[in-house]
Amino acid sequence: ENMDGVDQWDTIVSGKESKRESVLLNIDEVEDVSSALIGKYKL
């Protein structure tokens, strides 16, 4: 459970649209820096 990865095999093999629409790029609570991406926007 709690798998963050998405199966991309069909996307790689046949070019189907990816199931992934967002990604957590990182949270570094010590350095107090974080980033994420949804669609075309990255914060």
PDB file of all heavy atoms in Angstrom:
ATOM      1  N   GLU A   1       0.831  -1.200   0.000  1.00  0.00           N
ATOM      2  CA  GLU A   1       0.000   0.000   0.000  1.00  0.00           C
ATOM      3  C   GLU A   1       0.870   1.257   0.000  1.00  0.00           C
ATOM      4  O   GLU A   1       2.071   1.199   0.201  1.00  0.00           O
ATOM      5  CB  GLU A   1      -0.912   0.005   1.232  1.00  0.00           C
ATOM      6  CG  GLU A   1      -1.949  -1.128   1.241  1.00  0.00           C
ATOM      7  CD  GLU A   1      -2.820  -1.080   2.473  1.00  0.00           C
ATOM      8  OE1 GLU A   1      -2.562  -0.241   3.354  1.00  0.00           O
ATOM      9  OE2 GLU A   1      -3.769  -1.882   2.546  1.00  0.00           O
ATOM     10  N   ASN A   2       0.232   2.381  -0.243  1.00  0.00           N
ATOM     11  CA  ASN A   2       0.900   3.684  -0.252  1.00  0.00           C
ATOM     12  C   ASN A   2       2.002   3.757  -1.303  1.00  0.00           C
ATOM     13  O   ASN A   2       3.051   4.368  -1.090  1.00  0.00           O
ATOM     14  CB  ASN A   2       1.481   4.017   1.132  1.00  0.00           C
ATOM     15  CG  ASN A   2       0.427   4.071   2.201  1.00  0.00           C
ATOM     16  OD1 ASN A   2      -0.684   4.558   1.958  1.00  0.00           O
ATOM     17  ND2 ASN A   2       0.727   3.566   3.382  1.00  0.00           N
ATOM     18  N   MET A   3       1.752   3.131  -2.446  1.00  0.00           N
ATOM     19  CA  MET A   3       2.686   3.206  -3.557  1.00  0.00           C
ATOM     20  C   MET A   3       2.422   4.514  -4.302  1.00  0.00           C
ATOM     21  O   MET A   3       1.312   4.774  -4.754  1.00  0.00           O
ATOM     22  CB  MET A   3       2.490   2.005  -4.478  1.00  0.00           C
ATOM     23  CG  MET A   3       3.594   1.780  -5.482  1.00  0.00           C
ATOM     24  SD  MET A   3       5.179   1.284  -4.794  1.00  0.00           S
ATOM     25  CE  MET A   3       4.769  -0.245  -3.950  1.00  0.00           C
ATOM     26  N   ASP A   4       3.453   5.343  -4.432  1.00  0.00           N
ATOM     27  CA  ASP A   4       3.296   6.622  -5.134  1.00  0.00           C
ATOM     28  C   ASP A   4       3.555   6.482  -6.624  1.00  0.00           C
ATOM     29  O   ASP A   4       3.129   7.326  -7.415  1.00  0.00           O
ATOM     30  CB  ASP A   4       4.244   7.668  -4.544  1.00  0.00           C
ATOM     31  CG  ASP A   4       3.925   7.974  -3.083  1.00  0.00           C
ATOM     32  OD1 ASP A   4       2.782   8.396  -2.818  1.00  0.00           O
ATOM     33  OD2 ASP A   4       4.802   7.776  -2.225  1.00  0.00           O
ATOM     34  N   GLY A   5       4.271   5.437  -7.012  1.00  0.00           N
ATOM     35  CA  GLY A   5       4.564   5.213  -8.419  1.00  0.00           C
ATOM     36  C   GLY A   5       3.323   4.824  -9.205  1.00  0.00           C
ATOM     37  O   GLY A   5       2.374   4.242  -8.670  1.00  0.00           O
ATOM     38  N   VAL A   6       3.344   5.149 -10.486  1.00  0.00           N
ATOM     39  CA  VAL A   6       2.245   4.860 -11.407  1.00  0.00           C
ATOM     40  C   VAL A   6       2.763   3.937 -12.507  1.00  0.00           C
ATOM     41  O   VAL A   6       3.865   4.132 -13.022  1.00  0.00           O
ATOM     42  CB  VAL A   6       1.713   6.177 -12.031  1.00  0.00           C
ATOM     43  CG1 VAL A   6       0.698   5.894 -13.130  1.00  0.00           C
ATOM     44  CG2 VAL A   6       1.105   7.063 -10.951  1.00  0.00           C
ATOM     45  N   ASP A   7       1.974   2.945 -12.868  1.00  0.00           N
ATOM     46  CA  ASP A   7       2.345   2.037 -13.951  1.00  0.00           C
ATOM     47  C   ASP A   7       2.329   2.799 -15.283  1.00  0.00           C
ATOM     48  O   ASP A   7       1.287   3.250 -15.741  1.00  0.00           O
ATOM     49  CB  ASP A   7       1.366   0.860 -13.991  1.00  0.00           C
ATOM     50  CG  ASP A   7       1.594  -0.067 -15.178  1.00  0.00           C
ATOM     51  OD1 ASP A   7       2.673   0.006 -15.794  1.00  0.00           O
ATOM     52  OD2 ASP A   7       0.687  -0.869 -15.473  1.00  0.00           O
ATOM     53  N   GLN A   8       3.491   2.922 -15.900  1.00  0.00           N
ATOM     54  CA  GLN A   8       3.617   3.675 -17.150  1.00  0.00           C
ATOM     55  C   GLN A   8       3.898   2.761 -18.345  1.00  0.00           C
ATOM     56  O   GLN A   8       4.290   3.247 -19.413  1.00  0.00           O
ATOM     57  CB  GLN A   8       4.780   4.683 -17.021  1.00  0.00           C
ATOM     58  CG  GLN A   8       4.618   5.695 -15.911  1.00  0.00           C
ATOM     59  CD  GLN A   8       3.963   6.979 -16.387  1.00  0.00           C
ATOM     60  OE1 GLN A   8       3.345   7.021 -17.447  1.00  0.00           O
ATOM     61  NE2 GLN A   8       4.098   8.035 -15.610  1.00  0.00           N
ATOM     62  N   TRP A   9       3.714   1.444 -18.184  1.00  0.00           N
ATOM     63  CA  TRP A   9       4.113   0.527 -19.245  1.00  0.00           C
ATOM     64  C   TRP A   9       3.341   0.771 -20.547  1.00  0.00           C
ATOM     65  O   TRP A   9       3.927   0.811 -21.629  1.00  0.00           O
ATOM     66  CB  TRP A   9       3.971  -0.914 -18.772  1.00  0.00           C
ATOM     67  CG  TRP A   9       4.494  -1.928 -19.744  1.00  0.00           C
ATOM     68  CD1 TRP A   9       3.836  -3.015 -20.241  1.00  0.00           C
ATOM     69  CD2 TRP A   9       5.803  -1.960 -20.342  1.00  0.00           C
ATOM     70  NE1 TRP A   9       4.646  -3.714 -21.104  1.00  0.00           N
ATOM     71  CE2 TRP A   9       5.857  -3.087 -21.187  1.00  0.00           C
ATOM     72  CE3 TRP A   9       6.929  -1.135 -20.254  1.00  0.00           C
ATOM     73  CZ2 TRP A   9       6.986  -3.417 -21.937  1.00  0.00           C
ATOM     74  CZ3 TRP A   9       8.060  -1.460 -21.002  1.00  0.00           C
ATOM     75  CH2 TRP A   9       8.077  -2.585 -21.832  1.00  0.00           C
ATOM     76  N   ASP A  10       2.031   0.959 -20.468  1.00  0.00           N
ATOM     77  CA  ASP A  10       1.243   1.220 -21.670  1.00  0.00           C
ATOM     78  C   ASP A  10       1.657   2.540 -22.327  1.00  0.00           C
ATOM     79  O   ASP A  10       1.642   2.664 -23.558  1.00  0.00           O
ATOM     80  CB  ASP A  10      -0.252   1.254 -21.347  1.00  0.00           C
ATOM     81  CG  ASP A  10      -0.835  -0.131 -21.118  1.00  0.00           C
ATOM     82  OD1 ASP A  10      -0.174  -1.111 -21.503  1.00  0.00           O
ATOM     83  OD2 ASP A  10      -1.924  -0.230 -20.539  1.00  0.00           O
ATOM     84  N   THR A  11       2.002   3.514 -21.516  1.00  0.00           N
ATOM     85  CA  THR A  11       2.455   4.807 -22.041  1.00  0.00           C
ATOM     86  C   THR A  11       3.754   4.633 -22.820  1.00  0.00           C
ATOM     87  O   THR A  11       3.929   5.212 -23.899  1.00  0.00           O
ATOM     88  CB  THR A  11       2.656   5.811 -20.890  1.00  0.00           C
ATOM     89  OG1 THR A  11       1.424   5.975 -20.195  1.00  0.00           O
ATOM     90  CG2 THR A  11       3.130   7.156 -21.404  1.00  0.00           C
ATOM     91  N   ILE A  12       4.664   3.837 -22.274  1.00  0.00           N
ATOM     92  CA  ILE A  12       5.944   3.606 -22.938  1.00  0.00           C
ATOM     93  C   ILE A  12       5.770   2.764 -24.195  1.00  0.00           C
ATOM     94  O   ILE A  12       6.315   3.074 -25.260  1.00  0.00           O
ATOM     95  CB  ILE A  12       6.930   2.926 -21.968  1.00  0.00           C
ATOM     96  CG1 ILE A  12       7.331   3.900 -20.852  1.00  0.00           C
ATOM     97  CG2 ILE A  12       8.165   2.418 -22.698  1.00  0.00           C
ATOM     98  CD1 ILE A  12       8.106   3.255 -19.713  1.00  0.00           C
ATOM     99  N   VAL A  13       4.982   1.696 -24.098  1.00  0.00           N
ATOM    100  CA  VAL A  13       4.852   0.747 -25.209  1.00  0.00           C
ATOM    101  C   VAL A  13       4.076   1.341 -26.378  1.00  0.00           C
ATOM    102  O   VAL A  13       4.495   1.229 -27.538  1.00  0.00           O
ATOM    103  CB  VAL A  13       4.168  -0.556 -24.729  1.00  0.00           C
ATOM    104  CG1 VAL A  13       3.787  -1.430 -25.914  1.00  0.00           C
ATOM    105  CG2 VAL A  13       5.104  -1.318 -23.816  1.00  0.00           C
ATOM    106  N   SER A  14       2.953   1.967 -26.104  1.00  0.00           N
ATOM    107  CA  SER A  14       2.067   2.381 -27.194  1.00  0.00           C
ATOM    108  C   SER A  14       1.775   3.871 -27.233  1.00  0.00           C
ATOM    109  O   SER A  14       0.992   4.326 -28.063  1.00  0.00           O
ATOM    110  CB  SER A  14       0.743   1.611 -27.111  1.00  0.00           C
ATOM    111  OG  SER A  14       0.130   1.806 -25.848  1.00  0.00           O
ATOM    112  N   GLY A  15       2.397   4.636 -26.343  1.00  0.00           N
ATOM    113  CA  GLY A  15       2.201   6.074 -26.373  1.00  0.00           C
ATOM    114  C   GLY A  15       0.891   6.548 -25.793  1.00  0.00           C
ATOM    115  O   GLY A  15       0.470   7.686 -26.040  1.00  0.00           O
ATOM    116  N   LYS A  16       0.220   5.699 -25.009  1.00  0.00           N
ATOM    117  CA  LYS A  16      -1.034   6.110 -24.388  1.00  0.00           C
ATOM    118  C   LYS A  16      -0.788   7.232 -23.380  1.00  0.00           C
ATOM    119  O   LYS A  16       0.297   7.368 -22.833  1.00  0.00           O
ATOM    120  CB  LYS A  16      -1.694   4.919 -23.686  1.00  0.00           C
ATOM    121  CG  LYS A  16      -2.231   3.856 -24.624  1.00  0.00           C
ATOM    122  CD  LYS A  16      -2.929   2.745 -23.856  1.00  0.00           C
ATOM    123  CE  LYS A  16      -3.487   1.691 -24.802  1.00  0.00           C
ATOM    124  NZ  LYS A  16      -4.163   0.588 -24.071  1.00  0.00           N
ATOM    125  N   GLU A  17      -1.820   7.997 -23.138  1.00  0.00           N
ATOM    126  CA  GLU A  17      -1.715   9.102 -22.192  1.00  0.00           C
ATOM    127  C   GLU A  17      -1.397   8.568 -20.800  1.00  0.00           C
ATOM    128  O   GLU A  17      -1.964   7.563 -20.355  1.00  0.00           O
ATOM    129  CB  GLU A  17      -3.024   9.879 -22.159  1.00  0.00           C
ATOM    130  CG  GLU A  17      -2.983  11.132 -21.307  1.00  0.00           C
ATOM    131  CD  GLU A  17      -4.267  11.940 -21.387  1.00  0.00           C
ATOM    132  OE1 GLU A  17      -5.076  11.675 -22.307  1.00  0.00           O
ATOM    133  OE2 GLU A  17      -4.466  12.820 -20.523  1.00  0.00           O
ATOM    134  N   SER A  18      -0.459   9.217 -20.127  1.00  0.00           N
ATOM    135  CA  SER A  18      -0.046   8.786 -18.805  1.00  0.00           C
ATOM    136  C   SER A  18      -1.166   8.969 -17.786  1.00  0.00           C
ATOM    137  O   SER A  18      -1.952   9.914 -17.866  1.00  0.00           O
ATOM    138  CB  SER A  18       1.182   9.579 -18.348  1.00  0.00           C
ATOM    139  OG  SER A  18       1.491   9.311 -16.999  1.00  0.00           O
ATOM    140  N   LYS A  19      -1.220   8.042 -16.821  1.00  0.00           N
ATOM    141  CA  LYS A  19      -2.181   8.159 -15.727  1.00  0.00           C
ATOM    142  C   LYS A  19      -1.725   9.197 -14.706  1.00  0.00           C
ATOM    143  O   LYS A  19      -2.493   9.601 -13.838  1.00  0.00           O
ATOM    144  CB  LYS A  19      -2.351   6.810 -15.037  1.00  0.00           C
ATOM    145  CG  LYS A  19      -2.860   5.705 -15.951  1.00  0.00           C
ATOM    146  CD  LYS A  19      -2.820   4.354 -15.254  1.00  0.00           C
ATOM    147  CE  LYS A  19      -3.190   3.228 -16.204  1.00  0.00           C
ATOM    148  NZ  LYS A  19      -3.028   1.890 -15.570  1.00  0.00           N
ATOM    149  N   ARG A  20      -0.468   9.599 -14.809  1.00  0.00           N
ATOM    150  CA  ARG A  20       0.072  10.557 -13.827  1.00  0.00           C
ATOM    151  C   ARG A  20      -0.264  11.985 -14.266  1.00  0.00           C
ATOM    152  O   ARG A  20       0.090  12.407 -15.366  1.00  0.00           O
ATOM    153  CB  ARG A  20       1.584  10.389 -13.697  1.00  0.00           C
ATOM    154  CG  ARG A  20       2.187  11.365 -12.697  1.00  0.00           C
ATOM    155  CD  ARG A  20       3.677  11.151 -12.507  1.00  0.00           C
ATOM    156  NE  ARG A  20       3.990   9.995 -11.675  1.00  0.00           N
ATOM    157  CZ  ARG A  20       3.855   9.943 -10.358  1.00  0.00           C
ATOM    158  NH1 ARG A  20       3.369  11.000  -9.706  1.00  0.00           N
ATOM    159  NH2 ARG A  20       4.182   8.870  -9.686  1.00  0.00           N
ATOM    160  N   GLU A  21      -0.921  12.706 -13.375  1.00  0.00           N
ATOM    161  CA  GLU A  21      -1.273  14.102 -13.637  1.00  0.00           C
ATOM    162  C   GLU A  21      -0.542  15.057 -12.704  1.00  0.00           C
ATOM    163  O   GLU A  21      -0.558  16.272 -12.923  1.00  0.00           O
ATOM    164  CB  GLU A  21      -2.782  14.295 -13.485  1.00  0.00           C
ATOM    165  CG  GLU A  21      -3.608  13.462 -14.472  1.00  0.00           C
ATOM    166  CD  GLU A  21      -5.096  13.613 -14.256  1.00  0.00           C
ATOM    167  OE1 GLU A  21      -5.487  14.182 -13.197  1.00  0.00           O
ATOM    168  OE2 GLU A  21      -5.867  13.186 -15.128  1.00  0.00           O
ATOM    169  N   SER A  22       0.083  14.499 -11.659  1.00  0.00           N
ATOM    170  CA  SER A  22       0.752  15.350 -10.683  1.00  0.00           C
ATOM    171  C   SER A  22       1.932  14.597 -10.087  1.00  0.00           C
ATOM    172  O   SER A  22       2.026  13.374 -10.194  1.00  0.00           O
ATOM    173  CB  SER A  22      -0.228  15.749  -9.565  1.00  0.00           C
ATOM    174  OG  SER A  22      -0.713  14.581  -8.894  1.00  0.00           O
ATOM    175  N   VAL A  23       2.817  15.346  -9.452  1.00  0.00           N
ATOM    176  CA  VAL A  23       3.951  14.718  -8.784  1.00  0.00           C
ATOM    177  C   VAL A  23       4.427  15.619  -7.643  1.00  0.00           C
ATOM    178  O   VAL A  23       4.491  16.844  -7.778  1.00  0.00           O
ATOM    179  CB  VAL A  23       5.103  14.439  -9.776  1.00  0.00           C
ATOM    180  CG1 VAL A  23       5.623  15.710 -10.429  1.00  0.00           C
ATOM    181  CG2 VAL A  23       6.259  13.718  -9.093  1.00  0.00           C
ATOM    182  N   LEU A  24       4.687  15.004  -6.500  1.00  0.00           N
ATOM    183  CA  LEU A  24       5.347  15.704  -5.414  1.00  0.00           C
ATOM    184  C   LEU A  24       6.838  15.677  -5.711  1.00  0.00           C
ATOM    185  O   LEU A  24       7.449  14.601  -5.757  1.00  0.00           O
ATOM    186  CB  LEU A  24       5.072  15.022  -4.068  1.00  0.00           C
ATOM    187  CG  LEU A  24       5.774  15.660  -2.863  1.00  0.00           C
ATOM    188  CD1 LEU A  24       5.132  16.998  -2.518  1.00  0.00           C
ATOM    189  CD2 LEU A  24       5.745  14.727  -1.661  1.00  0.00           C
ATOM    190  N   LEU A  25       7.428  16.829  -5.913  1.00  0.00           N
ATOM    191  CA  LEU A  25       8.842  16.885  -6.286  1.00  0.00           C
ATOM    192  C   LEU A  25       9.751  16.769  -5.073  1.00  0.00           C
ATOM    193  O   LEU A  25      10.838  16.215  -5.183  1.00  0.00           O
ATOM    194  CB  LEU A  25       9.122  18.167  -7.070  1.00  0.00           C
ATOM    195  CG  LEU A  25       8.361  18.237  -8.406  1.00  0.00           C
ATOM    196  CD1 LEU A  25       8.496  19.609  -9.043  1.00  0.00           C
ATOM    197  CD2 LEU A  25       8.836  17.151  -9.355  1.00  0.00           C
ATOM    198  N   ASN A  26       9.319  17.260  -3.945  1.00  0.00           N
ATOM    199  CA  ASN A  26      10.015  17.006  -2.672  1.00  0.00           C
ATOM    200  C   ASN A  26       9.437  17.906  -1.584  1.00  0.00           C
ATOM    201  O   ASN A  26       8.878  18.963  -1.856  1.00  0.00           O
ATOM    202  CB  ASN A  26      11.518  17.259  -2.775  1.00  0.00           C
ATOM    203  CG  ASN A  26      12.298  16.554  -1.661  1.00  0.00           C
ATOM    204  OD1 ASN A  26      11.841  15.555  -1.124  1.00  0.00           O
ATOM    205  ND2 ASN A  26      13.465  17.075  -1.314  1.00  0.00           N
ATOM    206  N   ILE A  27       9.581  17.440  -0.361  1.00  0.00           N
ATOM    207  CA  ILE A  27       9.385  18.274   0.822  1.00  0.00           C
ATOM    208  C   ILE A  27      10.626  18.076   1.683  1.00  0.00           C
ATOM    209  O   ILE A  27      10.925  16.957   2.095  1.00  0.00           O
ATOM    210  CB  ILE A  27       8.137  17.869   1.635  1.00  0.00           C
ATOM    211  CG1 ILE A  27       6.868  17.949   0.789  1.00  0.00           C
ATOM    212  CG2 ILE A  27       8.004  18.764   2.878  1.00  0.00           C
ATOM    213  CD1 ILE A  27       5.624  17.402   1.501  1.00  0.00           C
ATOM    214  N   ASP A  28      11.360  19.135   1.899  1.00  0.00           N
ATOM    215  CA  ASP A  28      12.516  19.099   2.797  1.00  0.00           C
ATOM    216  C   ASP A  28      12.182  19.984   3.983  1.00  0.00           C
ATOM    217  O   ASP A  28      12.329  21.213   3.925  1.00  0.00           O
ATOM    218  CB  ASP A  28      13.778  19.581   2.077  1.00  0.00           C
ATOM    219  CG  ASP A  28      15.041  19.374   2.909  1.00  0.00           C
ATOM    220  OD1 ASP A  28      14.958  19.451   4.158  1.00  0.00           O
ATOM    221  OD2 ASP A  28      16.113  19.125   2.319  1.00  0.00           O
ATOM    222  N   GLU A  29      11.684  19.353   5.041  1.00  0.00           N
ATOM    223  CA  GLU A  29      11.216  20.125   6.193  1.00  0.00           C
ATOM    224  C   GLU A  29      12.352  20.756   6.981  1.00  0.00           C
ATOM    225  O   GLU A  29      12.139  21.722   7.736  1.00  0.00           O
ATOM    226  CB  GLU A  29      10.346  19.237   7.105  1.00  0.00           C
ATOM    227  CG  GLU A  29      11.097  18.252   7.990  1.00  0.00           C
ATOM    228  CD  GLU A  29      11.569  16.996   7.287  1.00  0.00           C
ATOM    229  OE1 GLU A  29      11.568  16.968   6.034  1.00  0.00           O
ATOM    230  OE2 GLU A  29      11.948  16.047   7.982  1.00  0.00           O
ATOM    231  N   VAL A  30      13.566  20.257   6.820  1.00  0.00           N
ATOM    232  CA  VAL A  30      14.721  20.841   7.502  1.00  0.00           C
ATOM    233  C   VAL A  30      15.157  22.130   6.804  1.00  0.00           C
ATOM    234  O   VAL A  30      15.376  23.156   7.438  1.00  0.00           O
ATOM    235  CB  VAL A  30      15.884  19.830   7.572  1.00  0.00           C
ATOM    236  CG1 VAL A  30      17.141  20.498   8.120  1.00  0.00           C
ATOM    237  CG2 VAL A  30      15.493  18.635   8.430  1.00  0.00           C
ATOM    238  N   GLU A  31      15.264  22.074   5.478  1.00  0.00           N
ATOM    239  CA  GLU A  31      15.634  23.263   4.699  1.00  0.00           C
ATOM    240  C   GLU A  31      14.428  24.166   4.441  1.00  0.00           C
ATOM    241  O   GLU A  31      14.585  25.273   3.909  1.00  0.00           O
ATOM    242  CB  GLU A  31      16.250  22.836   3.366  1.00  0.00           C
ATOM    243  CG  GLU A  31      17.555  22.060   3.493  1.00  0.00           C
ATOM    244  CD  GLU A  31      18.673  22.893   4.075  1.00  0.00           C
ATOM    245  OE1 GLU A  31      18.665  24.135   3.896  1.00  0.00           O
ATOM    246  OE2 GLU A  31      19.565  22.306   4.724  1.00  0.00           O
ATOM    247  N   ASP A  32      13.232  23.688   4.797  1.00  0.00           N
ATOM    248  CA  ASP A  32      11.989  24.431   4.621  1.00  0.00           C
ATOM    249  C   ASP A  32      11.761  24.792   3.150  1.00  0.00           C
ATOM    250  O   ASP A  32      11.475  25.938   2.796  1.00  0.00           O
ATOM    251  CB  ASP A  32      11.990  25.701   5.482  1.00  0.00           C
ATOM    252  CG  ASP A  32      10.603  26.333   5.577  1.00  0.00           C
ATOM    253  OD1 ASP A  32       9.615  25.601   5.381  1.00  0.00           O
ATOM    254  OD2 ASP A  32      10.522  27.564   5.797  1.00  0.00           O
ATOM    255  N   VAL A  33      11.905  23.792   2.295  1.00  0.00           N
ATOM    256  CA  VAL A  33      11.706  23.961   0.854  1.00  0.00           C
ATOM    257  C   VAL A  33      10.816  22.824   0.361  1.00  0.00           C
ATOM    258  O   VAL A  33      10.985  21.672   0.774  1.00  0.00           O
ATOM    259  CB  VAL A  33      13.051  23.934   0.091  1.00  0.00           C
ATOM    260  CG1 VAL A  33      12.816  24.017  -1.407  1.00  0.00           C
ATOM    261  CG2 VAL A  33      13.953  25.063   0.539  1.00  0.00           C
ATOM    262  N   SER A  34       9.874  23.152  -0.519  1.00  0.00           N
ATOM    263  CA  SER A  34       9.022  22.102  -1.087  1.00  0.00           C
ATOM    264  C   SER A  34       8.613  22.492  -2.491  1.00  0.00           C
ATOM    265  O   SER A  34       8.688  23.656  -2.888  1.00  0.00           O
ATOM    266  CB  SER A  34       7.793  21.857  -0.208  1.00  0.00           C
ATOM    267  OG  SER A  34       7.057  23.055  -0.043  1.00  0.00           O
ATOM    268  N   SER A  35       8.157  21.476  -3.235  1.00  0.00           N
ATOM    269  CA  SER A  35       7.756  21.742  -4.609  1.00  0.00           C
ATOM    270  C   SER A  35       6.847  20.629  -5.099  1.00  0.00           C
ATOM    271  O   SER A  35       6.976  19.472  -4.695  1.00  0.00           O
ATOM    272  CB  SER A  35       8.978  21.843  -5.526  1.00  0.00           C
ATOM    273  OG  SER A  35       8.603  22.103  -6.862  1.00  0.00           O
ATOM    274  N   ALA A  36       5.928  20.989  -5.982  1.00  0.00           N
ATOM    275  CA  ALA A  36       5.033  20.009  -6.595  1.00  0.00           C
ATOM    276  C   ALA A  36       4.640  20.500  -7.974  1.00  0.00           C
ATOM    277  O   ALA A  36       4.801  21.687  -8.308  1.00  0.00           O
ATOM    278  CB  ALA A  36       3.789  19.798  -5.735  1.00  0.00           C
ATOM    279  N   LEU A  37       4.113  19.568  -8.763  1.00  0.00           N
ATOM    280  CA  LEU A  37       3.730  19.876 -10.139  1.00  0.00           C
ATOM    281  C   LEU A  37       2.368  19.239 -10.417  1.00  0.00           C
ATOM    282  O   LEU A  37       2.177  18.057 -10.146  1.00  0.00           O
ATOM    283  CB  LEU A  37       4.795  19.328 -11.092  1.00  0.00           C
ATOM    284  CG  LEU A  37       4.806  19.752 -12.559  1.00  0.00           C
ATOM    285  CD1 LEU A  37       6.194  19.540 -13.144  1.00  0.00           C
ATOM    286  CD2 LEU A  37       3.793  18.960 -13.379  1.00  0.00           C
ATOM    287  N   ILE A  38       1.450  20.033 -10.911  1.00  0.00           N
ATOM    288  CA  ILE A  38       0.142  19.529 -11.348  1.00  0.00           C
ATOM    289  C   ILE A  38      -0.111  20.062 -12.751  1.00  0.00           C
ATOM    290  O   ILE A  38      -0.103  21.279 -12.975  1.00  0.00           O
ATOM    291  CB  ILE A  38      -1.003  19.965 -10.410  1.00  0.00           C
ATOM    292  CG1 ILE A  38      -0.803  19.408  -9.004  1.00  0.00           C
ATOM    293  CG2 ILE A  38      -2.342  19.497 -10.957  1.00  0.00           C
ATOM    294  CD1 ILE A  38      -1.888  19.831  -8.007  1.00  0.00           C
ATOM    295  N   GLY A  39      -0.333  19.142 -13.685  1.00  0.00           N
ATOM    296  CA  GLY A  39      -0.511  19.575 -15.064  1.00  0.00           C
ATOM    297  C   GLY A  39       0.741  20.265 -15.577  1.00  0.00           C
ATOM    298  O   GLY A  39       1.835  19.716 -15.514  1.00  0.00           O
ATOM    299  N   LYS A  40       0.593  21.478 -16.043  1.00  0.00           N
ATOM    300  CA  LYS A  40       1.751  22.214 -16.566  1.00  0.00           C
ATOM    301  C   LYS A  40       2.336  23.192 -15.553  1.00  0.00           C
ATOM    302  O   LYS A  40       3.324  23.867 -15.843  1.00  0.00           O
ATOM    303  CB  LYS A  40       1.367  22.966 -17.843  1.00  0.00           C
ATOM    304  CG  LYS A  40       0.361  24.092 -17.650  1.00  0.00           C
ATOM    305  CD  LYS A  40       0.103  24.798 -18.985  1.00  0.00           C
ATOM    306  CE  LYS A  40      -0.842  25.980 -18.807  1.00  0.00           C
ATOM    307  NZ  LYS A  40      -1.042  26.717 -20.083  1.00  0.00           N
ATOM    308  N   TYR A  41       1.734  23.257 -14.363  1.00  0.00           N
ATOM    309  CA  TYR A  41       2.176  24.246 -13.380  1.00  0.00           C
ATOM    310  C   TYR A  41       3.005  23.622 -12.250  1.00  0.00           C
ATOM    311  O   TYR A  41       2.634  22.583 -11.712  1.00  0.00           O
ATOM    312  CB  TYR A  41       0.971  24.988 -12.782  1.00  0.00           C
ATOM    313  CG  TYR A  41       0.299  25.909 -13.765  1.00  0.00           C
ATOM    314  CD1 TYR A  41      -0.932  25.571 -14.326  1.00  0.00           C
ATOM    315  CD2 TYR A  41       0.895  27.109 -14.137  1.00  0.00           C
ATOM    316  CE1 TYR A  41      -1.563  26.417 -15.229  1.00  0.00           C
ATOM    317  CE2 TYR A  41       0.278  27.969 -15.044  1.00  0.00           C
ATOM    318  CZ  TYR A  41      -0.949  27.617 -15.595  1.00  0.00           C
ATOM    319  OH  TYR A  41      -1.549  28.448 -16.491  1.00  0.00           O
ATOM    320  N   LYS A  42       4.065  24.309 -11.941  1.00  0.00           N
ATOM    321  CA  LYS A  42       4.987  23.857 -10.892  1.00  0.00           C
ATOM    322  C   LYS A  42       5.159  24.973  -9.867  1.00  0.00           C
ATOM    323  O   LYS A  42       5.429  26.122 -10.223  1.00  0.00           O
ATOM    324  CB  LYS A  42       6.340  23.500 -11.511  1.00  0.00           C
ATOM    325  CG  LYS A  42       7.450  23.205 -10.508  1.00  0.00           C
ATOM    326  CD  LYS A  42       8.757  22.947 -11.253  1.00  0.00           C
ATOM    327  CE  LYS A  42       9.934  22.877 -10.306  1.00  0.00           C
ATOM    328  NZ  LYS A  42      11.209  22.737 -11.046  1.00  0.00           N
ATOM    329  N   LEU A  43       5.021  24.604  -8.591  1.00  0.00           N
ATOM    330  CA  LEU A  43       5.178  25.567  -7.498  1.00  0.00           C
ATOM    331  C   LEU A  43       6.414  25.215  -6.687  1.00  0.00           C
ATOM    332  O   LEU A  43       6.619  24.056  -6.319  1.00  0.00           O
ATOM    333  CB  LEU A  43       3.947  25.540  -6.584  1.00  0.00           C
ATOM    334  CG  LEU A  43       3.982  26.464  -5.364  1.00  0.00           C
ATOM    335  CD1 LEU A  43       3.915  27.936  -5.791  1.00  0.00           C
ATOM    336  CD2 LEU A  43       2.832  26.134  -4.401  1.00  0.00           C
TER     337      LEU A  43
END
